Protein backbone atom coordinates (compact mmCIF):
# COMPACT_ATOMS: atom_id res chain seq x y z
CA UNK A 1 0.00 0.00 0.00
CA UNK A 2 2.99 2.26 -0.55
CA UNK A 3 2.05 5.76 -1.52
CA UNK A 4 -1.45 5.60 0.01
CA UNK A 5 -2.27 8.36 2.45
CA UNK A 6 -5.08 8.49 4.94
CA UNK A 7 -6.03 10.65 7.89
CA UNK A 8 -5.21 9.67 11.43
CA UNK A 9 -8.86 10.27 12.31
CA UNK A 10 -12.01 11.02 10.34
CA UNK A 11 -13.09 14.59 9.76
CA UNK A 12 -15.16 16.23 12.47
CA UNK A 13 -18.05 16.56 10.04
CA UNK A 14 -17.98 12.83 9.36
CA UNK A 15 -17.86 12.08 13.08
CA UNK A 16 -20.91 14.29 13.71
CA UNK A 17 -22.77 13.00 10.65
CA UNK A 18 -22.25 9.45 11.91
CA UNK A 19 -23.72 10.35 15.30
CA UNK A 20 -20.63 10.81 17.47
CA UNK A 21 -21.47 12.31 20.86
CA UNK A 22 -17.84 13.16 21.61
CA UNK A 23 -15.17 14.18 19.12
CA UNK A 24 -12.00 12.14 18.82
CA UNK A 25 -9.88 15.15 19.74
CA UNK A 26 -11.69 15.64 23.06
CA UNK A 27 -9.74 14.80 26.20
CA UNK A 28 -6.40 16.01 27.42
CA UNK A 29 -5.39 16.94 30.90
CA UNK A 30 -8.06 17.72 33.49
CA UNK A 31 -6.82 21.31 33.59
CA UNK A 32 -7.59 21.92 29.92
CA UNK A 33 -10.77 19.95 29.36
CA UNK A 34 -13.59 22.33 28.50
CA UNK A 35 -17.20 21.47 27.89
CA UNK A 36 -18.09 21.90 24.20
CA UNK A 37 -18.26 25.56 23.24
CA UNK A 38 -17.13 26.77 26.66
CA UNK A 39 -13.93 28.54 25.62
CA UNK A 40 -15.75 30.45 22.89
CA UNK A 41 -18.63 31.23 25.23
CA UNK A 42 -16.32 32.62 27.90
CA UNK A 43 -14.58 34.79 25.31
CA UNK A 44 -17.89 36.17 24.07
CA UNK A 45 -19.36 36.93 27.50
CA UNK A 46 -16.32 37.76 29.59
CA UNK A 47 -13.44 38.89 27.39
CA UNK A 48 -13.00 42.50 26.36
CA UNK A 49 -9.66 42.11 24.63
CA UNK A 50 -8.64 42.64 21.03
CA UNK A 51 -7.78 40.15 18.31
CA UNK A 52 -4.12 39.22 17.98
CA UNK A 53 -2.83 41.23 15.02
CA UNK A 54 -0.16 38.71 14.07
CA UNK A 55 -2.66 35.84 14.06
CA UNK A 56 -5.05 37.94 11.99
CA UNK A 57 -2.37 38.84 9.46
CA UNK A 58 -1.12 35.24 9.20
CA UNK A 59 -4.60 33.84 8.61
CA UNK A 60 -5.60 36.54 6.12
CA UNK A 61 -2.53 35.76 4.04
CA UNK A 62 -3.29 32.03 4.19
CA UNK A 63 -6.92 32.53 3.16
CA UNK A 64 -5.76 34.56 0.17
CA UNK A 65 -3.99 31.43 -1.11
CA UNK A 66 -7.38 29.65 -1.20
CA UNK A 67 -5.60 26.46 -0.15
CA UNK A 68 -7.11 24.51 2.78
CA UNK A 69 -3.76 23.05 3.84
CA UNK A 70 -2.20 26.51 4.09
CA UNK A 71 -5.10 27.79 6.16
CA UNK A 72 -5.02 24.83 8.54
CA UNK A 73 -1.31 25.31 9.10
CA UNK A 74 -1.74 29.04 9.68
CA UNK A 75 -4.40 28.57 12.35
CA UNK A 76 -1.93 27.18 14.88
CA UNK A 77 -3.13 28.03 18.38
CA UNK A 78 -5.49 30.79 17.23
CA UNK A 79 -9.03 31.01 18.58
CA UNK A 80 -11.23 31.68 15.57
CA UNK A 81 -13.99 33.27 17.64
CA UNK A 82 -11.71 36.23 18.45
CA UNK A 83 -10.68 36.72 14.80
CA UNK A 84 -13.72 35.78 12.76
CA UNK A 85 -15.31 39.21 12.29
CA UNK A 86 -12.08 40.78 11.07
CA UNK A 87 -11.27 37.79 8.85
CA UNK A 88 -14.68 37.85 7.15
CA UNK A 89 -14.36 41.59 6.61
CA UNK A 90 -10.99 41.00 4.93
CA UNK A 91 -12.42 38.25 2.72
CA UNK A 92 -15.43 40.37 1.75
CA UNK A 93 -13.24 43.31 0.76
CA UNK A 94 -10.61 41.24 -1.09
CA UNK A 95 -10.85 40.55 -4.79
CA UNK A 96 -11.12 36.78 -4.38
CA UNK A 97 -12.97 34.38 -6.65
CA UNK A 98 -16.32 33.69 -4.97
CA UNK A 99 -16.50 30.06 -6.08
CA UNK A 100 -12.98 29.44 -4.79
CA UNK A 101 -13.84 31.00 -1.41
CA UNK A 102 -16.89 28.75 -1.20
CA UNK A 103 -14.83 25.67 -2.02
CA UNK A 104 -12.27 26.68 0.59
CA UNK A 105 -14.93 27.13 3.26
CA UNK A 106 -16.65 23.86 2.40
CA UNK A 107 -13.37 21.93 2.45
CA UNK A 108 -12.32 23.40 5.80
CA UNK A 109 -15.72 22.69 7.32
CA UNK A 110 -16.24 19.15 6.06
CA UNK A 111 -12.72 17.73 5.68
CA UNK A 112 -10.89 19.08 8.75
CA UNK A 113 -10.27 17.03 11.87
CA UNK A 114 -9.39 20.10 13.98
CA UNK A 115 -12.22 22.17 15.41
CA UNK A 116 -10.78 25.66 14.82
CA UNK A 117 -10.38 24.89 11.11
CA UNK A 118 -13.96 23.65 11.02
CA UNK A 119 -15.19 26.87 12.66
CA UNK A 120 -13.38 29.00 10.11
CA UNK A 121 -14.86 26.90 7.32
CA UNK A 122 -18.38 27.32 8.67
CA UNK A 123 -17.79 31.07 9.02
CA UNK A 124 -16.72 31.28 5.37
CA UNK A 125 -19.81 29.31 4.33
CA UNK A 126 -21.83 31.93 6.18
CA UNK A 127 -20.95 34.38 3.41
CA UNK A 128 -23.14 32.35 1.06
CA UNK A 129 -26.82 31.40 0.98
CA UNK A 130 -27.38 28.73 3.62
CA UNK A 131 -29.70 26.76 1.33
CA UNK A 132 -26.59 25.53 -0.49
CA UNK A 133 -25.31 23.68 2.58
CA UNK A 134 -28.21 23.61 5.03
CA UNK A 135 -27.86 19.90 5.92
CA UNK A 136 -24.19 20.33 6.78
CA UNK A 137 -24.93 23.37 8.95
CA UNK A 138 -27.68 21.53 10.80
CA UNK A 139 -25.25 18.67 11.47
CA UNK A 140 -22.68 21.06 12.93
CA UNK A 141 -25.34 22.97 14.86
CA UNK A 142 -26.28 19.92 16.90
CA UNK A 143 -22.87 19.96 18.62
CA UNK A 144 -22.40 22.77 21.14
CA UNK A 145 -18.84 23.43 19.98
CA UNK A 146 -20.09 24.58 16.56
CA UNK A 147 -23.64 25.77 17.22
CA UNK A 148 -22.77 29.47 17.28
CA UNK A 149 -21.00 29.35 13.91
CA UNK A 150 -23.74 27.22 12.35
CA UNK A 151 -26.41 29.59 13.70
CA UNK A 152 -24.79 32.64 12.11
CA UNK A 153 -24.34 30.81 8.81
CA UNK A 154 -27.95 29.55 8.80
CA UNK A 155 -29.22 33.09 9.19
CA UNK A 156 -27.80 33.98 5.77
CA UNK A 157 -30.81 32.83 3.79
CA UNK A 158 -33.54 34.42 1.72
CA UNK A 159 -36.11 32.65 3.88
CA UNK A 160 -36.76 32.67 7.62
CA UNK A 161 -34.27 30.55 9.56
CA UNK A 162 -36.32 30.60 12.78
CA UNK A 163 -37.70 27.06 12.35
CA UNK A 164 -34.21 25.58 11.85
CA UNK A 165 -32.73 27.53 14.74
CA UNK A 166 -35.58 26.57 17.05
CA UNK A 167 -35.14 22.93 16.08
CA UNK A 168 -31.46 23.15 16.97
CA UNK A 169 -32.19 24.93 20.26
CA UNK A 170 -34.32 22.00 21.35
CA UNK A 171 -31.48 19.56 20.59
CA UNK A 172 -28.57 21.23 22.39
CA UNK A 173 -28.25 21.91 26.10
CA UNK A 174 -24.94 23.68 26.58
CA UNK A 175 -23.39 26.82 25.15
CA UNK A 176 -25.16 26.19 21.88
CA UNK A 177 -28.53 26.64 23.53
CA UNK A 178 -27.38 29.87 25.15
CA UNK A 179 -26.38 31.36 21.79
CA UNK A 180 -29.55 30.15 20.05
CA UNK A 181 -31.95 31.37 22.72
CA UNK A 182 -30.28 34.78 22.81
CA UNK A 183 -31.05 35.06 19.09
CA UNK A 184 -34.50 33.43 19.19
CA UNK A 185 -35.60 35.86 21.89
CA UNK A 186 -36.04 38.36 19.05
CA UNK A 187 -38.30 36.03 17.05
CA UNK A 188 -41.75 37.28 16.09
CA UNK A 189 -43.33 33.86 16.67
CA UNK A 190 -45.03 33.94 20.10
CA UNK A 191 -44.74 30.14 20.34
CA UNK A 192 -40.95 30.44 20.29
CA UNK A 193 -40.92 33.09 23.02
CA UNK A 194 -43.30 31.05 25.17
CA UNK A 195 -41.05 28.02 24.79
CA UNK A 196 -38.12 30.13 25.93
CA UNK A 197 -39.81 31.29 29.12
CA UNK A 198 -41.24 27.85 29.92
CA UNK A 199 -38.35 25.57 28.97
CA UNK A 200 -35.76 27.06 26.67
CA UNK A 201 -33.84 28.99 29.33
CA UNK A 202 -32.68 25.75 30.95
CA UNK A 203 -29.15 24.77 29.99
CA UNK A 204 -26.20 22.79 31.31
CA UNK A 205 -23.97 25.83 31.85
CA UNK A 206 -25.86 28.19 34.17
CA UNK A 207 -29.50 29.28 34.23
CA UNK A 208 -28.36 32.84 34.93
CA UNK A 209 -27.03 33.25 31.39
CA UNK A 210 -30.57 33.11 29.97
CA UNK A 211 -32.79 34.08 32.90
CA UNK A 212 -33.04 37.77 32.04
CA UNK A 213 -33.47 37.04 28.32
CA UNK A 214 -36.26 34.54 28.97
CA UNK A 215 -38.08 36.71 31.51
CA UNK A 216 -38.07 39.69 29.17
CA UNK A 217 -38.75 37.95 25.86
CA UNK A 218 -41.43 35.71 27.35
CA UNK A 219 -43.13 38.51 29.32
CA UNK A 220 -42.84 36.60 32.58
CA UNK A 221 -44.58 39.29 34.63
CA UNK A 222 -47.46 39.43 32.17
CA UNK A 223 -47.91 35.67 32.28
CA UNK A 224 -47.83 35.65 36.09
CA UNK A 225 -50.57 38.30 36.11
CA UNK A 226 -52.86 35.59 34.75
CA UNK A 227 -53.39 32.07 36.01
CA UNK A 228 -50.13 30.19 35.46
CA UNK A 229 -50.11 26.41 35.23
CA UNK A 230 -47.66 24.25 37.15
CA UNK A 231 -45.03 24.27 34.40
CA UNK A 232 -45.03 28.03 34.09
CA UNK A 233 -45.00 28.62 37.84
CA UNK A 234 -42.07 26.25 38.24
CA UNK A 235 -40.21 28.05 35.44
CA UNK A 236 -41.00 31.41 37.03
CA UNK A 237 -39.45 30.34 40.31
CA UNK A 238 -36.29 29.10 38.60
CA UNK A 239 -35.94 32.29 36.58
CA UNK A 240 -36.47 34.63 39.51
CA UNK A 241 -34.07 32.66 41.71
CA UNK A 242 -31.42 32.80 38.98
CA UNK A 243 -31.92 36.54 38.60
CA UNK A 244 -31.15 37.05 42.30
CA UNK A 245 -27.57 35.77 41.80
CA UNK A 246 -25.68 39.00 42.31
CA UNK A 247 -22.30 37.36 41.73
CA UNK A 248 -23.56 35.49 38.68
CA UNK A 249 -22.02 35.49 35.20
CA UNK A 250 -24.29 38.21 33.76
CA UNK A 251 -26.47 41.11 34.92
CA UNK A 252 -29.25 39.66 37.00
CA UNK A 253 -32.33 41.27 38.51
CA UNK A 254 -31.20 44.86 37.77
CA UNK A 255 -31.37 44.02 34.08
CA UNK A 256 -35.00 42.89 34.26
CA UNK A 257 -37.20 45.96 34.67
CA UNK A 258 -40.25 44.05 35.84
CA UNK A 259 -38.35 41.91 38.32
CA UNK A 260 -40.06 43.24 41.43
CA UNK A 261 -43.54 42.98 39.89
CA UNK A 262 -42.86 39.42 38.71
CA UNK A 263 -41.56 38.48 42.17
CA UNK A 264 -44.67 39.88 43.86
CA UNK A 265 -46.96 38.01 41.48
CA UNK A 266 -45.02 34.78 41.93
CA UNK A 267 -45.15 35.06 45.72
CA UNK A 268 -48.87 35.65 45.49
CA UNK A 269 -49.38 32.38 43.62
CA UNK A 270 -47.23 30.45 46.09
CA UNK A 271 -49.12 32.03 49.00
CA UNK A 272 -52.41 30.93 47.48
CA UNK A 273 -51.19 27.40 46.90
CA UNK A 274 -49.87 27.00 50.43
CA UNK A 275 -52.56 28.95 52.25
CA UNK A 276 -53.77 27.03 55.29
CA UNK A 277 -51.54 24.13 54.33
CA UNK A 278 -50.96 21.56 56.98
CA UNK A 279 -51.40 18.40 55.01
CA UNK A 280 -53.59 15.47 55.84
CA UNK A 281 -51.93 14.98 59.19
CA UNK A 282 -53.12 18.35 60.46
CA UNK A 283 -56.45 18.41 58.71
CA UNK A 284 -55.40 20.98 56.11
CA UNK A 285 -56.34 20.82 52.46
CA UNK A 286 -54.22 19.07 49.82
CA UNK A 287 -51.79 21.89 49.21
CA UNK A 288 -49.11 19.46 48.06
CA UNK A 289 -51.25 18.59 45.05
CA UNK A 290 -51.90 22.27 44.36
CA UNK A 291 -48.16 22.97 44.39
CA UNK A 292 -47.76 20.75 41.37
CA UNK A 293 -44.61 19.00 40.19
CA UNK A 294 -42.34 21.81 41.37
CA UNK A 295 -43.05 21.26 45.08
CA UNK A 296 -39.76 21.74 46.92
CA UNK A 297 -38.30 23.80 44.11
CA UNK A 298 -40.67 26.56 45.19
CA UNK A 299 -39.28 26.53 48.73
CA UNK A 300 -35.73 26.99 47.42
CA UNK A 301 -36.81 29.67 44.96
CA UNK A 302 -38.67 31.63 47.63
CA UNK A 303 -35.63 31.21 49.87
CA UNK A 304 -33.48 32.81 47.15
CA UNK A 305 -35.98 35.64 46.80
CA UNK A 306 -35.94 36.21 50.54
CA UNK A 307 -32.17 36.65 50.46
CA UNK A 308 -32.47 39.19 47.66
CA UNK A 309 -35.44 40.95 49.26
CA UNK A 310 -33.53 41.43 52.51
CA UNK A 311 -31.09 43.65 50.61
CA UNK A 312 -33.21 45.21 47.88
CA UNK A 313 -36.95 44.74 48.51
CA UNK A 314 -37.46 44.84 52.29
CA UNK A 315 -41.22 45.20 51.83
CA UNK A 316 -41.31 41.67 50.34
CA UNK A 317 -39.26 40.11 53.12
CA UNK A 318 -42.21 39.34 55.48
CA UNK A 319 -44.11 37.61 52.68
CA UNK A 320 -41.14 35.40 51.83
CA UNK A 321 -40.56 34.57 55.48
CA UNK A 322 -44.22 33.68 56.00
CA UNK A 323 -44.25 31.33 53.02
CA UNK A 324 -41.10 29.54 54.17
CA UNK A 325 -42.55 29.07 57.67
CA UNK A 326 -45.66 27.24 56.46
CA UNK A 327 -45.96 23.63 57.70
CA UNK A 328 -46.43 22.08 54.27
CA UNK A 329 -42.66 22.17 53.63
CA UNK A 330 -41.84 20.19 56.77
CA UNK A 331 -44.23 17.50 55.49
CA UNK A 332 -43.03 17.47 51.89
CA UNK A 333 -39.28 17.50 52.56
CA UNK A 334 -38.91 14.25 54.58
CA UNK A 335 -41.27 12.46 52.19
CA UNK A 336 -39.18 13.59 49.23
CA UNK A 337 -36.00 12.59 51.04
CA UNK A 338 -37.32 9.07 51.46
CA UNK A 339 -38.98 8.66 48.08
CA UNK A 340 -37.02 10.72 45.53
CA UNK A 341 -36.26 8.62 42.45
CA UNK A 342 -33.62 10.82 40.83
CA UNK A 343 -30.60 12.55 42.29
CA UNK A 344 -31.85 16.04 41.47
CA UNK A 345 -35.05 15.60 43.45
CA UNK A 346 -33.12 13.97 46.29
CA UNK A 347 -30.63 16.83 46.31
CA UNK A 348 -33.42 19.39 46.56
CA UNK A 349 -34.95 17.46 49.45
CA UNK A 350 -31.59 17.42 51.23
CA UNK A 351 -31.19 21.17 50.84
CA UNK A 352 -34.71 21.94 52.06
CA UNK A 353 -34.30 19.61 55.02
CA UNK A 354 -31.04 21.33 55.94
CA UNK A 355 -32.72 24.73 55.84
CA UNK A 356 -35.55 23.42 58.00
CA UNK A 357 -33.21 21.71 60.48
CA UNK A 358 -34.30 18.19 59.51
CA UNK A 359 -31.46 15.60 59.74
CA UNK A 360 -30.30 14.13 56.41
CA UNK A 361 -27.06 12.29 57.23
CA UNK A 362 -28.65 8.83 57.40
CA UNK A 363 -30.41 9.32 54.07
CA UNK A 364 -27.21 10.60 52.46
CA UNK A 365 -25.21 7.61 53.72
CA UNK A 366 -27.83 5.20 52.43
CA UNK A 367 -27.85 6.94 49.04
CA UNK A 368 -24.07 6.80 48.82
CA UNK A 369 -23.94 3.13 49.69
CA UNK A 370 -26.24 2.55 46.71
CA UNK A 371 -24.18 4.87 44.48
CA UNK A 372 -20.73 5.72 45.89
CA UNK A 373 -20.11 8.33 43.19
CA UNK A 374 -22.87 10.78 44.03
CA UNK A 375 -20.80 13.97 44.02
CA UNK A 376 -23.52 16.26 45.37
CA UNK A 377 -24.27 13.79 48.16
CA UNK A 378 -20.63 13.69 49.31
CA UNK A 379 -20.57 17.47 49.20
CA UNK A 380 -23.73 17.68 51.33
CA UNK A 381 -22.48 15.09 53.81
CA UNK A 382 -19.13 16.83 54.26
CA UNK A 383 -20.84 20.21 54.53
CA UNK A 384 -22.73 19.09 57.62
CA UNK A 385 -19.90 17.07 59.20
CA UNK A 386 -19.23 17.65 62.90
CA UNK A 387 -16.44 16.63 65.24
CA UNK A 388 -18.69 13.84 66.43
CA UNK A 389 -19.30 12.18 63.06
CA UNK A 390 -16.55 13.31 60.68
CA UNK A 391 -14.51 10.13 61.19
CA UNK A 392 -17.57 8.01 60.49
CA UNK A 393 -18.11 9.87 57.21
CA UNK A 394 -14.47 9.54 56.19
CA UNK A 395 -14.43 5.85 57.09
CA UNK A 396 -17.45 5.35 54.84
CA UNK A 397 -15.68 7.16 52.00
CA UNK A 398 -12.57 5.01 52.41
CA UNK A 399 -14.71 1.86 52.40
CA UNK A 400 -16.88 2.51 49.34
CA UNK A 401 -14.63 4.60 47.06
CA UNK A 402 -12.12 2.58 44.99
CA UNK A 403 -9.03 4.27 46.41
CA UNK A 404 -6.58 1.81 44.86
CA UNK A 405 -8.10 2.41 41.43
CA UNK A 406 -8.07 6.17 41.98
CA UNK A 407 -4.42 6.19 43.08
CA UNK A 408 -3.13 5.00 39.70
CA UNK A 409 -0.32 7.55 39.49
CA UNK A 410 0.10 11.17 38.44
CA UNK A 411 1.78 10.19 35.18
CA UNK A 412 -1.56 9.17 33.70
CA UNK A 413 -3.35 12.12 32.18
CA UNK A 414 -7.03 12.10 31.35
CA UNK A 415 -10.40 13.60 32.23
CA UNK A 416 -11.67 13.01 35.72
CA UNK A 417 -14.02 10.07 35.99
CA UNK A 418 -16.77 9.60 38.54
CA UNK A 419 -14.56 8.05 41.27
CA UNK A 420 -12.10 10.96 41.04
CA UNK A 421 -14.89 13.53 41.13
CA UNK A 422 -16.44 11.84 44.16
CA UNK A 423 -13.10 11.89 45.99
CA UNK A 424 -12.79 15.55 45.02
CA UNK A 425 -15.96 16.36 46.95
CA UNK A 426 -14.46 14.86 50.11
CA UNK A 427 -10.94 16.23 49.72
CA UNK A 428 -12.07 19.81 49.25
CA UNK A 429 -13.41 19.87 52.83
CA UNK A 430 -10.52 18.10 54.56
CA UNK A 431 -8.42 21.19 55.20
CA UNK A 432 -11.05 22.00 57.85
CA UNK A 433 -10.33 18.64 59.52
CA UNK A 434 -6.55 18.39 60.03
CA UNK A 435 -5.42 14.99 61.21
CA UNK A 436 -8.41 13.20 59.65
CA UNK A 437 -8.87 11.24 56.44
CA UNK A 438 -5.32 10.10 55.69
CA UNK A 439 -6.32 7.16 53.39
CA UNK A 440 -8.28 9.59 51.22
CA UNK A 441 -5.45 12.13 51.14
CA UNK A 442 -2.97 9.37 50.27
CA UNK A 443 -5.13 8.33 47.30
CA UNK A 444 -5.50 11.94 46.22
CA UNK A 445 -1.72 12.44 46.20
CA UNK A 446 -1.36 9.58 43.71
CA UNK A 447 -4.40 10.41 41.57
CA UNK A 448 -3.98 11.10 37.83
CA UNK A 449 -6.31 14.08 38.27
CA UNK A 450 -4.47 17.32 39.02
CA UNK A 451 -7.29 18.78 41.11
CA UNK A 452 -7.31 15.66 43.33
CA UNK A 453 -3.59 16.09 43.97
CA UNK A 454 -3.88 19.80 44.70
CA UNK A 455 -6.72 19.25 47.15
CA UNK A 456 -4.82 16.46 48.87
CA UNK A 457 -1.83 18.80 49.26
CA UNK A 458 -4.07 21.54 50.66
CA UNK A 459 -5.62 19.12 53.15
CA UNK A 460 -2.24 17.82 54.31
CA UNK A 461 -0.82 21.35 54.61
CA UNK A 462 -3.41 22.01 57.35
CA UNK A 463 -1.97 19.21 59.53
CA UNK A 464 0.45 19.85 62.37
CA UNK A 465 3.71 18.98 60.66
CA UNK A 466 5.39 18.37 63.99
CA UNK A 467 3.24 15.27 64.40
CA UNK A 468 3.00 14.28 60.75
CA UNK A 469 3.09 10.45 60.61
CA UNK A 470 6.01 8.79 58.85
CA UNK A 471 3.74 7.29 56.19
CA UNK A 472 2.55 10.77 55.24
CA UNK A 473 6.12 12.09 54.95
CA UNK A 474 7.05 9.09 52.83
CA UNK A 475 4.01 9.55 50.59
CA UNK A 476 4.77 13.24 50.04
CA UNK A 477 8.38 12.46 49.11
CA UNK A 478 7.23 9.76 46.67
CA UNK A 479 4.64 12.09 45.15
CA UNK A 480 7.27 14.77 44.72
CA UNK A 481 9.55 12.39 42.82
CA UNK A 482 6.72 11.31 40.50
CA UNK A 483 4.95 14.63 39.93
CA UNK A 484 4.94 15.69 36.22
CA UNK A 485 3.10 19.01 36.69
CA UNK A 486 5.28 22.01 37.54
CA UNK A 487 2.63 23.80 39.59
CA UNK A 488 1.74 20.75 41.66
CA UNK A 489 5.44 19.95 42.10
CA UNK A 490 6.05 23.42 43.52
CA UNK A 491 3.24 22.93 46.07
CA UNK A 492 4.61 19.52 47.00
CA UNK A 493 8.06 21.01 47.51
CA UNK A 494 6.67 23.64 49.89
CA UNK A 495 4.75 20.95 51.76
CA UNK A 496 7.81 18.69 51.94
CA UNK A 497 10.11 21.48 53.09
CA UNK A 498 7.60 22.70 55.68
CA UNK A 499 7.27 19.21 57.08
CA UNK A 500 11.02 18.69 57.17
CA UNK A 501 11.58 22.00 58.96
CA UNK A 502 8.92 21.23 61.55
CA UNK A 503 10.40 17.82 62.21
CA UNK A 504 13.92 19.25 62.48
CA UNK A 505 12.73 21.81 65.04
CA UNK A 506 11.27 19.09 67.22
């Protein structure tokens, strides 16, 4: 087969067309793994810098050659999202053959196995009528890494792209949904805007990114002035709670002009649905049924509103406090704790019980014995640990987490798996408990996941080095010899030197 050439991996377009959920180039060290579209999303929302002039010049020259190989080579480490507007302006103003530009864009988009080349190809295709390559754009749009570029390209059509964009928005859940919903919020179709306020704002990044958009575009206050159904009332609570996040990623409640009116209307509906509630045990009416599927979500959402009201709307504070004090919650929470089928519902029940002073440790331990990798459950259990039961919690963790499997060595690089993430939830609290949890710290020091190792170092640094056991000193020295990461190695050196100095002084 001499002379035959083939690619090391199929093109990204082929992978997506064939139904791949993850791209073959995904992975890398835990420090650099981003969820699809995240790096571009962060640049769009949180970066106010300028495009790199050298990168821009290099890519413009390469595009002028109209050769895909030259363009791919010129991309290097460039982030196309920061250059794309200037590049397209250069292409539009240059005297390039239109057919050749189209062929270049199509080749980059469909033949490349590197995502930045694909993005540039899609951007170039966006200069032409989307009807010529609609199927390809829809394929790219279903992956959050490329949704933004596909969306912009799809909009270049003589027709209305709303139906295609809405279809994509219902298929993606990450950064792609954020970009699509931001655009669809301007749609004239009321069905689209209603979908946004009822469901479309939910995403796997952060509700806060779309809360203000959804509340405004969907006229949340206007809908709450009527008779909202369970779905809408649940959505309203989520949106208002997200808007109260003052340290969130975007402007929250101050950016929604009708926030106070919407909050008042929402509280009124929750008051009506919990009025006189005491459940069957106290002879009250069936308020649990009238709360609908949201149930405990409403408690947490009103709790968030109370926190915001205390600072900004003091006149609403008594209403929030009254709702949270109603007996229905103390009946719903333990029942949900015992009967929740999914982890999300169980997690909400845990949080409500904590706020109400209802013990949850036994339920959390039982849940973790059934699924040792429940990250949120470890976090909750460690959050409520006391001097009396911390060793019991840590003993449980050492028994049910596969510490030998986790401690496979720092030389192995790869994304954190569930066991490593579960250990992470325990390690991040151990600096508050010096002298406890050595088996977990030992496993963390030898984990392939950088964050595990850093948290183990932080936990051990809180110990009294004068009484550091020999096995801990030996483990730190071994970890230092094996550590491939410069930053972690520096922390290990400080830990090792601090321990040695303390020992020498005693």
